[in-house]
Amino acid sequence: MHHEIHTVSEFKIIAPFTLRIRFDDGHVQVIDFWPILRGEMFGPLRDLDLFNGVTLDEEASTLVWPNGADFDPATLHDWDRVGAAMIRMAQTWQESPASDRWVEAVAVR
């Protein structure tokens, strides 16, 4: 079984909770992360300031956030095929306790 390995080469924040991501093979994905920002790891990223703290981890060649959240670059690369399943899965994740910062993020949305 052949499994391609993809890495993130660059990204740009283009809207609240939305990134344009370029990969090593030239492929580009635009992903609205809002629907999957739930649960213990990804829920805090509903804070727009925290979400916008995303960086490119040069060693892992993927996106990482200050709270340690990250995604497999292959998942990001294939988002057009796997995104809907990721969103369905995220809907089963228990919400973290709401905070004032979440309310601000929702208001921006």
PDB file of N, CA and C in Angstrom:
ATOM      1  N   MET A   1       0.843  -1.179   0.000  1.00  0.00           N
ATOM      2  CA  MET A   1       0.000   0.000   0.000  1.00  0.00           C
ATOM      3  C   MET A   1       0.884   1.236   0.000  1.00  0.00           C
ATOM      4  N   HIS A   2       0.619   2.133  -0.917  1.00  0.00           N
ATOM      5  CA  HIS A   2       1.399   3.359  -1.042  1.00  0.00           C
ATOM      6  C   HIS A   2       0.715   4.488  -0.280  1.00  0.00           C
ATOM      7  N   HIS A   3       1.455   5.144   0.601  1.00  0.00           N
ATOM      8  CA  HIS A   3       0.920   6.266   1.373  1.00  0.00           C
ATOM      9  C   HIS A   3       1.804   7.478   1.134  1.00  0.00           C
ATOM     10  N   GLU A   4       1.242   8.498   0.472  1.00  0.00           N
ATOM     11  CA  GLU A   4       2.020   9.700   0.212  1.00  0.00           C
ATOM     12  C   GLU A   4       2.175  10.513   1.490  1.00  0.00           C
ATOM     13  N   ILE A   5       3.333  11.096   1.641  1.00  0.00           N
ATOM     14  CA  ILE A   5       3.600  11.961   2.782  1.00  0.00           C
ATOM     15  C   ILE A   5       3.641  13.394   2.270  1.00  0.00           C
ATOM     16  N   HIS A   6       2.837  14.255   2.874  1.00  0.00           N
ATOM     17  CA  HIS A   6       2.774  15.652   2.476  1.00  0.00           C
ATOM     18  C   HIS A   6       3.201  16.519   3.647  1.00  0.00           C
ATOM     19  N   THR A   7       3.783  17.650   3.321  1.00  0.00           N
ATOM     20  CA  THR A   7       4.176  18.595   4.352  1.00  0.00           C
ATOM     21  C   THR A   7       3.640  19.977   3.991  1.00  0.00           C
ATOM     22  N   VAL A   8       3.391  20.776   5.015  1.00  0.00           N
ATOM     23  CA  VAL A   8       2.941  22.148   4.826  1.00  0.00           C
ATOM     24  C   VAL A   8       4.168  22.998   4.546  1.00  0.00           C
ATOM     25  N   SER A   9       4.111  23.790   3.475  1.00  0.00           N
ATOM     26  CA  SER A   9       5.241  24.664   3.159  1.00  0.00           C
ATOM     27  C   SER A   9       4.973  26.108   3.559  1.00  0.00           C
ATOM     28  N   GLU A  10       3.707  26.522   3.569  1.00  0.00           N
ATOM     29  CA  GLU A  10       3.361  27.873   4.020  1.00  0.00           C
ATOM     30  C   GLU A  10       1.859  27.961   4.245  1.00  0.00           C
ATOM     31  N   PHE A  11       1.451  29.016   4.936  1.00  0.00           N
ATOM     32  CA  PHE A  11       0.033  29.236   5.175  1.00  0.00           C
ATOM     33  C   PHE A  11      -0.215  30.727   5.341  1.00  0.00           C
ATOM     34  N   LYS A  12      -1.484  31.102   5.219  1.00  0.00           N
ATOM     35  CA  LYS A  12      -1.887  32.487   5.438  1.00  0.00           C
ATOM     36  C   LYS A  12      -3.275  32.490   6.058  1.00  0.00           C
ATOM     37  N   ILE A  13      -3.467  33.331   7.054  1.00  0.00           N
ATOM     38  CA  ILE A  13      -4.790  33.540   7.635  1.00  0.00           C
ATOM     39  C   ILE A  13      -5.548  34.432   6.656  1.00  0.00           C
ATOM     40  N   ILE A  14      -6.688  33.943   6.150  1.00  0.00           N
ATOM     41  CA  ILE A  14      -7.422  34.731   5.148  1.00  0.00           C
ATOM     42  C   ILE A  14      -8.776  35.224   5.651  1.00  0.00           C
ATOM     43  N   ALA A  15      -9.242  34.709   6.764  1.00  0.00           N
ATOM     44  CA  ALA A  15     -10.499  35.125   7.386  1.00  0.00           C
ATOM     45  C   ALA A  15     -10.501  34.543   8.799  1.00  0.00           C
ATOM     46  N   PRO A  16     -11.431  34.979   9.666  1.00  0.00           N
ATOM     47  CA  PRO A  16     -11.480  34.385  11.000  1.00  0.00           C
ATOM     48  C   PRO A  16     -11.601  32.856  10.905  1.00  0.00           C
ATOM     49  N   PHE A  17     -10.671  32.168  11.558  1.00  0.00           N
ATOM     50  CA  PHE A  17     -10.655  30.710  11.660  1.00  0.00           C
ATOM     51  C   PHE A  17     -10.440  30.001  10.317  1.00  0.00           C
ATOM     52  N   THR A  18      -9.976  30.731   9.320  1.00  0.00           N
ATOM     53  CA  THR A  18      -9.794  30.174   7.982  1.00  0.00           C
ATOM     54  C   THR A  18      -8.369  30.403   7.500  1.00  0.00           C
ATOM     55  N   LEU A  19      -7.757  29.323   7.028  1.00  0.00           N
ATOM     56  CA  LEU A  19      -6.376  29.384   6.542  1.00  0.00           C
ATOM     57  C   LEU A  19      -6.293  28.906   5.099  1.00  0.00           C
ATOM     58  N   ARG A  20      -5.408  29.533   4.342  1.00  0.00           N
ATOM     59  CA  ARG A  20      -5.012  29.006   3.035  1.00  0.00           C
ATOM     60  C   ARG A  20      -3.674  28.329   3.271  1.00  0.00           C
ATOM     61  N   ILE A  21      -3.593  27.050   2.937  1.00  0.00           N
ATOM     62  CA  ILE A  21      -2.416  26.238   3.246  1.00  0.00           C
ATOM     63  C   ILE A  21      -1.829  25.710   1.941  1.00  0.00           C
ATOM     64  N   ARG A  22      -0.532  25.926   1.762  1.00  0.00           N
ATOM     65  CA  ARG A  22       0.182  25.395   0.594  1.00  0.00           C
ATOM     66  C   ARG A  22       1.069  24.252   1.062  1.00  0.00           C
ATOM     67  N   PHE A  23       1.107  23.199   0.239  1.00  0.00           N
ATOM     68  CA  PHE A  23       1.863  21.995   0.571  1.00  0.00           C
ATOM     69  C   PHE A  23       3.069  21.851  -0.339  1.00  0.00           C
ATOM     70  N   ASP A  24       3.955  20.954   0.037  1.00  0.00           N
ATOM     71  CA  ASP A  24       5.209  20.746  -0.687  1.00  0.00           C
ATOM     72  C   ASP A  24       5.006  20.362  -2.143  1.00  0.00           C
ATOM     73  N   ASP A  25       3.852  19.783  -2.464  1.00  0.00           N
ATOM     74  CA  ASP A  25       3.585  19.383  -3.852  1.00  0.00           C
ATOM     75  C   ASP A  25       2.852  20.470  -4.642  1.00  0.00           C
ATOM     76  N   GLY A  26       2.694  21.668  -4.044  1.00  0.00           N
ATOM     77  CA  GLY A  26       2.024  22.774  -4.704  1.00  0.00           C
ATOM     78  C   GLY A  26       0.518  22.829  -4.482  1.00  0.00           C
ATOM     79  N   HIS A  27      -0.039  21.767  -3.910  1.00  0.00           N
ATOM     80  CA  HIS A  27      -1.475  21.709  -3.627  1.00  0.00           C
ATOM     81  C   HIS A  27      -1.823  22.790  -2.602  1.00  0.00           C
ATOM     82  N   VAL A  28      -2.993  23.404  -2.769  1.00  0.00           N
ATOM     83  CA  VAL A  28      -3.462  24.440  -1.847  1.00  0.00           C
ATOM     84  C   VAL A  28      -4.838  24.048  -1.326  1.00  0.00           C
ATOM     85  N   GLN A  29      -5.020  24.192  -0.032  1.00  0.00           N
ATOM     86  CA  GLN A  29      -6.322  23.963   0.601  1.00  0.00           C
ATOM     87  C   GLN A  29      -6.714  25.239   1.340  1.00  0.00           C
ATOM     88  N   VAL A  30      -7.974  25.610   1.243  1.00  0.00           N
ATOM     89  CA  VAL A  30      -8.537  26.662   2.076  1.00  0.00           C
ATOM     90  C   VAL A  30      -9.469  25.958   3.050  1.00  0.00           C
ATOM     91  N   ILE A  31      -9.167  26.096   4.341  1.00  0.00           N
ATOM     92  CA  ILE A  31      -9.921  25.359   5.359  1.00  0.00           C
ATOM     93  C   ILE A  31     -10.500  26.331   6.377  1.00  0.00           C
ATOM     94  N   ASP A  32     -11.819  26.236   6.566  1.00  0.00           N
ATOM     95  CA  ASP A  32     -12.508  26.928   7.647  1.00  0.00           C
ATOM     96  C   ASP A  32     -12.514  25.953   8.817  1.00  0.00           C
ATOM     97  N   PHE A  33     -11.711  26.233   9.823  1.00  0.00           N
ATOM     98  CA  PHE A  33     -11.556  25.322  10.950  1.00  0.00           C
ATOM     99  C   PHE A  33     -12.692  25.416  11.968  1.00  0.00           C
ATOM    100  N   TRP A  34     -13.530  26.445  11.878  1.00  0.00           N
ATOM    101  CA  TRP A  34     -14.553  26.675  12.902  1.00  0.00           C
ATOM    102  C   TRP A  34     -15.360  25.420  13.245  1.00  0.00           C
ATOM    103  N   PRO A  35     -15.852  24.645  12.267  1.00  0.00           N
ATOM    104  CA  PRO A  35     -16.696  23.495  12.617  1.00  0.00           C
ATOM    105  C   PRO A  35     -15.994  22.403  13.436  1.00  0.00           C
ATOM    106  N   ILE A  36     -14.679  22.393  13.471  1.00  0.00           N
ATOM    107  CA  ILE A  36     -13.996  21.340  14.240  1.00  0.00           C
ATOM    108  C   ILE A  36     -13.325  21.872  15.499  1.00  0.00           C
ATOM    109  N   LEU A  37     -13.558  23.126  15.822  1.00  0.00           N
ATOM    110  CA  LEU A  37     -12.951  23.692  17.024  1.00  0.00           C
ATOM    111  C   LEU A  37     -13.817  23.356  18.229  1.00  0.00           C
ATOM    112  N   ARG A  38     -13.690  22.119  18.653  1.00  0.00           N
ATOM    113  CA  ARG A  38     -14.437  21.570  19.779  1.00  0.00           C
ATOM    114  C   ARG A  38     -13.513  20.675  20.583  1.00  0.00           C
ATOM    115  N   GLY A  39     -13.956  20.339  21.769  1.00  0.00           N
ATOM    116  CA  GLY A  39     -13.204  19.403  22.590  1.00  0.00           C
ATOM    117  C   GLY A  39     -12.055  20.061  23.340  1.00  0.00           C
ATOM    118  N   GLU A  40     -11.365  19.239  24.089  1.00  0.00           N
ATOM    119  CA  GLU A  40     -10.308  19.718  24.982  1.00  0.00           C
ATOM    120  C   GLU A  40      -9.140  20.368  24.240  1.00  0.00           C
ATOM    121  N   MET A  41      -8.720  19.783  23.134  1.00  0.00           N
ATOM    122  CA  MET A  41      -7.552  20.300  22.417  1.00  0.00           C
ATOM    123  C   MET A  41      -7.903  21.430  21.458  1.00  0.00           C
ATOM    124  N   PHE A  42      -8.956  21.264  20.674  1.00  0.00           N
ATOM    125  CA  PHE A  42      -9.268  22.234  19.629  1.00  0.00           C
ATOM    126  C   PHE A  42     -10.274  23.295  20.066  1.00  0.00           C
ATOM    127  N   GLY A  43     -11.092  23.029  21.085  1.00  0.00           N
ATOM    128  CA  GLY A  43     -12.079  24.001  21.574  1.00  0.00           C
ATOM    129  C   GLY A  43     -11.470  25.333  21.964  1.00  0.00           C
ATOM    130  N   PRO A  44     -10.339  25.351  22.670  1.00  0.00           N
ATOM    131  CA  PRO A  44      -9.750  26.635  23.041  1.00  0.00           C
ATOM    132  C   PRO A  44      -9.377  27.513  21.835  1.00  0.00           C
ATOM    133  N   LEU A  45      -9.246  26.905  20.666  1.00  0.00           N
ATOM    134  CA  LEU A  45      -8.895  27.682  19.468  1.00  0.00           C
ATOM    135  C   LEU A  45     -10.052  28.536  18.976  1.00  0.00           C
ATOM    136  N   ARG A  46     -11.206  28.438  19.617  1.00  0.00           N
ATOM    137  CA  ARG A  46     -12.308  29.352  19.311  1.00  0.00           C
ATOM    138  C   ARG A  46     -11.981  30.767  19.783  1.00  0.00           C
ATOM    139  N   ASP A  47     -10.970  30.886  20.608  1.00  0.00           N
ATOM    140  CA  ASP A  47     -10.429  32.201  20.964  1.00  0.00           C
ATOM    141  C   ASP A  47      -9.632  32.652  19.744  1.00  0.00           C
ATOM    142  N   LEU A  48     -10.099  33.682  19.066  1.00  0.00           N
ATOM    143  CA  LEU A  48      -9.495  34.097  17.809  1.00  0.00           C
ATOM    144  C   LEU A  48      -8.024  34.466  17.973  1.00  0.00           C
ATOM    145  N   ASP A  49      -7.673  35.084  19.097  1.00  0.00           N
ATOM    146  CA  ASP A  49      -6.260  35.412  19.322  1.00  0.00           C
ATOM    147  C   ASP A  49      -5.416  34.148  19.398  1.00  0.00           C
ATOM    148  N   LEU A  50      -5.914  33.123  20.092  1.00  0.00           N
ATOM    149  CA  LEU A  50      -5.185  31.866  20.181  1.00  0.00           C
ATOM    150  C   LEU A  50      -5.120  31.200  18.807  1.00  0.00           C
ATOM    151  N   PHE A  51      -6.238  31.170  18.081  1.00  0.00           N
ATOM    152  CA  PHE A  51      -6.233  30.581  16.745  1.00  0.00           C
ATOM    153  C   PHE A  51      -5.205  31.278  15.852  1.00  0.00           C
ATOM    154  N   ASN A  52      -5.184  32.600  15.917  1.00  0.00           N
ATOM    155  CA  ASN A  52      -4.264  33.365  15.075  1.00  0.00           C
ATOM    156  C   ASN A  52      -2.803  33.227  15.498  1.00  0.00           C
ATOM    157  N   GLY A  53      -2.557  32.540  16.602  1.00  0.00           N
ATOM    158  CA  GLY A  53      -1.194  32.253  17.035  1.00  0.00           C
ATOM    159  C   GLY A  53      -0.582  31.063  16.312  1.00  0.00           C
ATOM    160  N   VAL A  54      -1.267  30.542  15.309  1.00  0.00           N
ATOM    161  CA  VAL A  54      -0.791  29.386  14.553  1.00  0.00           C
ATOM    162  C   VAL A  54       0.570  29.687  13.921  1.00  0.00           C
ATOM    163  N   THR A  55       1.423  28.678  13.923  1.00  0.00           N
ATOM    164  CA  THR A  55       2.737  28.788  13.291  1.00  0.00           C
ATOM    165  C   THR A  55       3.013  27.516  12.497  1.00  0.00           C
ATOM    166  N   LEU A  56       4.019  27.606  11.668  1.00  0.00           N
ATOM    167  CA  LEU A  56       4.459  26.429  10.919  1.00  0.00           C
ATOM    168  C   LEU A  56       5.620  25.809  11.673  1.00  0.00           C
ATOM    169  N   ASP A  57       5.440  24.589  12.145  1.00  0.00           N
ATOM    170  CA  ASP A  57       6.503  23.860  12.822  1.00  0.00           C
ATOM    171  C   ASP A  57       7.427  23.310  11.740  1.00  0.00           C
ATOM    172  N   GLU A  58       8.623  23.861  11.665  1.00  0.00           N
ATOM    173  CA  GLU A  58       9.573  23.481  10.614  1.00  0.00           C
ATOM    174  C   GLU A  58       9.994  22.016  10.724  1.00  0.00           C
ATOM    175  N   GLU A  59      10.088  21.510  11.933  1.00  0.00           N
ATOM    176  CA  GLU A  59      10.523  20.128  12.129  1.00  0.00           C
ATOM    177  C   GLU A  59       9.452  19.122  11.689  1.00  0.00           C
ATOM    178  N   ALA A  60       8.198  19.377  12.101  1.00  0.00           N
ATOM    179  CA  ALA A  60       7.108  18.469  11.756  1.00  0.00           C
ATOM    180  C   ALA A  60       6.436  18.836  10.437  1.00  0.00           C
ATOM    181  N   SER A  61       6.750  20.010   9.912  1.00  0.00           N
ATOM    182  CA  SER A  61       6.165  20.503   8.653  1.00  0.00           C
ATOM    183  C   SER A  61       4.646  20.500   8.679  1.00  0.00           C
ATOM    184  N   THR A  62       4.098  20.971   9.806  1.00  0.00           N
ATOM    185  CA  THR A  62       2.652  21.123   9.913  1.00  0.00           C
ATOM    186  C   THR A  62       2.332  22.349  10.744  1.00  0.00           C
ATOM    187  N   LEU A  63       1.049  22.667  10.838  1.00  0.00           N
ATOM    188  CA  LEU A  63       0.600  23.813  11.608  1.00  0.00           C
ATOM    189  C   LEU A  63       0.459  23.421  13.070  1.00  0.00           C
ATOM    190  N   VAL A  64       0.886  24.320  13.946  1.00  0.00           N
ATOM    191  CA  VAL A  64       0.759  24.105  15.382  1.00  0.00           C
ATOM    192  C   VAL A  64       0.275  25.392  16.035  1.00  0.00           C
ATOM    193  N   TRP A  65      -0.450  25.224  17.134  1.00  0.00           N
ATOM    194  CA  TRP A  65      -0.967  26.359  17.880  1.00  0.00           C
ATOM    195  C   TRP A  65      -0.285  26.419  19.237  1.00  0.00           C
ATOM    196  N   PRO A  66      -0.320  27.596  19.877  1.00  0.00           N
ATOM    197  CA  PRO A  66       0.370  27.758  21.168  1.00  0.00           C
ATOM    198  C   PRO A  66      -0.065  26.784  22.254  1.00  0.00           C
ATOM    199  N   ASN A  67      -1.285  26.241  22.173  1.00  0.00           N
ATOM    200  CA  ASN A  67      -1.745  25.301  23.192  1.00  0.00           C
ATOM    201  C   ASN A  67      -1.346  23.860  22.886  1.00  0.00           C
ATOM    202  N   GLY A  68      -0.563  23.651  21.801  1.00  0.00           N
ATOM    203  CA  GLY A  68      -0.101  22.312  21.448  1.00  0.00           C
ATOM    204  C   GLY A  68      -0.962  21.616  20.408  1.00  0.00           C
ATOM    205  N   ALA A  69      -2.083  22.207  20.025  1.00  0.00           N
ATOM    206  CA  ALA A  69      -2.944  21.604  19.007  1.00  0.00           C
ATOM    207  C   ALA A  69      -2.218  21.577  17.664  1.00  0.00           C
ATOM    208  N   ASP A  70      -2.430  20.508  16.927  1.00  0.00           N
ATOM    209  CA  ASP A  70      -1.877  20.408  15.578  1.00  0.00           C
ATOM    210  C   ASP A  70      -2.707  19.411  14.785  1.00  0.00           C
ATOM    211  N   PHE A  71      -2.443  19.360  13.493  1.00  0.00           N
ATOM    212  CA  PHE A  71      -3.122  18.407  12.610  1.00  0.00           C
ATOM    213  C   PHE A  71      -2.069  17.693  11.796  1.00  0.00           C
ATOM    214  N   ASP A  72      -2.344  16.442  11.479  1.00  0.00           N
ATOM    215  CA  ASP A  72      -1.493  15.686  10.571  1.00  0.00           C
ATOM    216  C   ASP A  72      -1.521  16.408   9.224  1.00  0.00           C
ATOM    217  N   PRO A  73      -0.355  16.721   8.649  1.00  0.00           N
ATOM    218  CA  PRO A  73      -0.362  17.424   7.366  1.00  0.00           C
ATOM    219  C   PRO A  73      -1.075  16.651   6.254  1.00  0.00           C
ATOM    220  N   ALA A  74      -1.095  15.336   6.327  1.00  0.00           N
ATOM    221  CA  ALA A  74      -1.822  14.546   5.323  1.00  0.00           C
ATOM    222  C   ALA A  74      -3.328  14.797   5.423  1.00  0.00           C
ATOM    223  N   THR A  75      -3.828  14.962   6.640  1.00  0.00           N
ATOM    224  CA  THR A  75      -5.241  15.273   6.837  1.00  0.00           C
ATOM    225  C   THR A  75      -5.559  16.630   6.237  1.00  0.00           C
ATOM    226  N   LEU A  76      -4.707  17.612   6.494  1.00  0.00           N
ATOM    227  CA  LEU A  76      -4.920  18.938   5.928  1.00  0.00           C
ATOM    228  C   LEU A  76      -4.849  18.904   4.406  1.00  0.00           C
ATOM    229  N   HIS A  77      -3.877  18.186   3.873  1.00  0.00           N
ATOM    230  CA  HIS A  77      -3.700  18.076   2.422  1.00  0.00           C
ATOM    231  C   HIS A  77      -4.947  17.494   1.756  1.00  0.00           C
ATOM    232  N   ASP A  78      -5.542  16.495   2.393  1.00  0.00           N
ATOM    233  CA  ASP A  78      -6.683  15.789   1.817  1.00  0.00           C
ATOM    234  C   ASP A  78      -8.021  16.272   2.380  1.00  0.00           C
ATOM    235  N   TRP A  79      -8.053  17.488   2.888  1.00  0.00           N
ATOM    236  CA  TRP A  79      -9.245  18.004   3.557  1.00  0.00           C
ATOM    237  C   TRP A  79     -10.494  17.911   2.686  1.00  0.00           C
ATOM    238  N   ASP A  80     -10.359  18.108   1.394  1.00  0.00           N
ATOM    239  CA  ASP A  80     -11.536  18.029   0.521  1.00  0.00           C
ATOM    240  C   ASP A  80     -12.152  16.636   0.545  1.00  0.00           C
ATOM    241  N   ARG A  81     -11.380  15.621   0.902  1.00  0.00           N
ATOM    242  CA  ARG A  81     -11.894  14.242   0.995  1.00  0.00           C
ATOM    243  C   ARG A  81     -12.236  13.830   2.417  1.00  0.00           C
ATOM    244  N   VAL A  82     -11.502  14.345   3.407  1.00  0.00           N
ATOM    245  CA  VAL A  82     -11.685  13.881   4.785  1.00  0.00           C
ATOM    246  C   VAL A  82     -12.321  14.913   5.709  1.00  0.00           C
ATOM    247  N   GLY A  83     -12.456  16.149   5.248  1.00  0.00           N
ATOM    248  CA  GLY A  83     -12.965  17.221   6.103  1.00  0.00           C
ATOM    249  C   GLY A  83     -14.352  16.963   6.657  1.00  0.00           C
ATOM    250  N   ALA A  84     -15.259  16.486   5.814  1.00  0.00           N
ATOM    251  CA  ALA A  84     -16.628  16.235   6.286  1.00  0.00           C
ATOM    252  C   ALA A  84     -16.637  15.184   7.397  1.00  0.00           C
ATOM    253  N   ALA A  85     -15.832  14.159   7.259  1.00  0.00           N
ATOM    254  CA  ALA A  85     -15.747  13.131   8.308  1.00  0.00           C
ATOM    255  C   ALA A  85     -15.132  13.707   9.578  1.00  0.00           C
ATOM    256  N   MET A  86     -14.140  14.576   9.432  1.00  0.00           N
ATOM    257  CA  MET A  86     -13.528  15.220  10.611  1.00  0.00           C
ATOM    258  C   MET A  86     -14.556  16.076  11.340  1.00  0.00           C
ATOM    259  N   ILE A  87     -15.368  16.802  10.581  1.00  0.00           N
ATOM    260  CA  ILE A  87     -16.394  17.647  11.198  1.00  0.00           C
ATOM    261  C   ILE A  87     -17.416  16.790  11.926  1.00  0.00           C
ATOM    262  N   ARG A  88     -17.851  15.694  11.321  1.00  0.00           N
ATOM    263  CA  ARG A  88     -18.792  14.781  11.995  1.00  0.00           C
ATOM    264  C   ARG A  88     -18.182  14.231  13.276  1.00  0.00           C
ATOM    265  N   MET A  89     -16.913  13.866  13.219  1.00  0.00           N
ATOM    266  CA  MET A  89     -16.249  13.338  14.401  1.00  0.00           C
ATOM    267  C   MET A  89     -16.157  14.419  15.486  1.00  0.00           C
ATOM    268  N   ALA A  90     -15.840  15.637  15.095  1.00  0.00           N
ATOM    269  CA  ALA A  90     -15.712  16.728  16.064  1.00  0.00           C
ATOM    270  C   ALA A  90     -17.025  17.006  16.771  1.00  0.00           C
ATOM    271  N   GLN A  91     -18.125  16.769  16.116  1.00  0.00           N
ATOM    272  CA  GLN A  91     -19.436  17.001  16.728  1.00  0.00           C
ATOM    273  C   GLN A  91     -19.688  16.055  17.898  1.00  0.00           C
ATOM    274  N   THR A  92     -18.922  14.990  18.009  1.00  0.00           N
ATOM    275  CA  THR A  92     -19.073  14.054  19.126  1.00  0.00           C
ATOM    276  C   THR A  92     -18.175  14.431  20.304  1.00  0.00           C
ATOM    277  N   TRP A  93     -17.232  15.352  20.078  1.00  0.00           N
ATOM    278  CA  TRP A  93     -16.319  15.754  21.141  1.00  0.00           C
ATOM    279  C   TRP A  93     -17.042  16.626  22.144  1.00  0.00           C
ATOM    280  N   GLN A  94     -16.801  16.366  23.414  1.00  0.00           N
ATOM    281  CA  GLN A  94     -17.420  17.144  24.473  1.00  0.00           C
ATOM    282  C   GLN A  94     -16.844  18.550  24.470  1.00  0.00           C
ATOM    283  N   GLU A  95     -17.721  19.528  24.613  1.00  0.00           N
ATOM    284  CA  GLU A  95     -17.286  20.915  24.679  1.00  0.00           C
ATOM    285  C   GLU A  95     -16.508  21.164  25.960  1.00  0.00           C
ATOM    286  N   SER A  96     -15.479  21.971  25.859  1.00  0.00           N
ATOM    287  CA  SER A  96     -14.783  22.447  27.041  1.00  0.00           C
ATOM    288  C   SER A  96     -15.640  23.532  27.676  1.00  0.00           C
ATOM    289  N   PRO A  97     -15.433  23.829  28.961  1.00  0.00           N
ATOM    290  CA  PRO A  97     -16.222  24.887  29.600  1.00  0.00           C
ATOM    291  C   PRO A  97     -16.102  26.194  28.818  1.00  0.00           C
ATOM    292  N   ALA A  98     -17.235  26.866  28.645  1.00  0.00           N
ATOM    293  CA  ALA A  98     -17.249  28.129  27.906  1.00  0.00           C
ATOM    294  C   ALA A  98     -16.496  29.188  28.705  1.00  0.00           C
ATOM    295  N   SER A  99     -15.927  30.122  27.964  1.00  0.00           N
ATOM    296  CA  SER A  99     -15.250  31.250  28.598  1.00  0.00           C
ATOM    297  C   SER A  99     -15.683  32.523  27.906  1.00  0.00           C
ATOM    298  N   ASP A 100     -15.377  33.652  28.503  1.00  0.00           N
ATOM    299  CA  ASP A 100     -15.705  34.927  27.896  1.00  0.00           C
ATOM    300  C   ASP A 100     -15.027  35.072  26.541  1.00  0.00           C
ATOM    301  N   ARG A 101     -13.834  34.518  26.406  1.00  0.00           N
ATOM    302  CA  ARG A 101     -13.117  34.633  25.145  1.00  0.00           C
ATOM    303  C   ARG A 101     -13.830  33.863  24.038  1.00  0.00           C
ATOM    304  N   TRP A 102     -14.454  32.724  24.380  1.00  0.00           N
ATOM    305  CA  TRP A 102     -15.224  31.965  23.385  1.00  0.00           C
ATOM    306  C   TRP A 102     -16.384  32.807  22.898  1.00  0.00           C
ATOM    307  N   VAL A 103     -17.061  33.498  23.835  1.00  0.00           N
ATOM    308  CA  VAL A 103     -18.200  34.323  23.472  1.00  0.00           C
ATOM    309  C   VAL A 103     -17.759  35.408  22.506  1.00  0.00           C
ATOM    310  N   GLU A 104     -16.596  36.023  22.749  1.00  0.00           N
ATOM    311  CA  GLU A 104     -16.068  37.031  21.834  1.00  0.00           C
ATOM    312  C   GLU A 104     -15.816  36.428  20.470  1.00  0.00           C
ATOM    313  N   ALA A 105     -15.257  35.237  20.418  1.00  0.00           N
ATOM    314  CA  ALA A 105     -14.961  34.597  19.144  1.00  0.00           C
ATOM    315  C   ALA A 105     -16.241  34.315  18.376  1.00  0.00           C
ATOM    316  N   VAL A 106     -17.266  33.853  19.065  1.00  0.00           N
ATOM    317  CA  VAL A 106     -18.543  33.560  18.415  1.00  0.00           C
ATOM    318  C   VAL A 106     -19.141  34.852  17.864  1.00  0.00           C
ATOM    319  N   ALA A 107     -19.010  35.953  18.604  1.00  0.00           N
ATOM    320  CA  ALA A 107     -19.534  37.235  18.142  1.00  0.00           C
ATOM    321  C   ALA A 107     -18.836  37.687  16.863  1.00  0.00           C
ATOM    322  N   VAL A 108     -17.539  37.413  16.751  1.00  0.00           N
ATOM    323  CA  VAL A 108     -16.783  37.767  15.563  1.00  0.00           C
ATOM    324  C   VAL A 108     -17.262  36.924  14.394  1.00  0.00           C
ATOM    325  N   ARG A 109     -17.556  35.672  14.654  1.00  0.00           N
ATOM    326  CA  ARG A 109     -17.951  34.710  13.632  1.00  0.00           C
ATOM    327  C   ARG A 109     -19.219  35.174  12.981  1.00  0.00           C
TER     328      ARG A 109
END
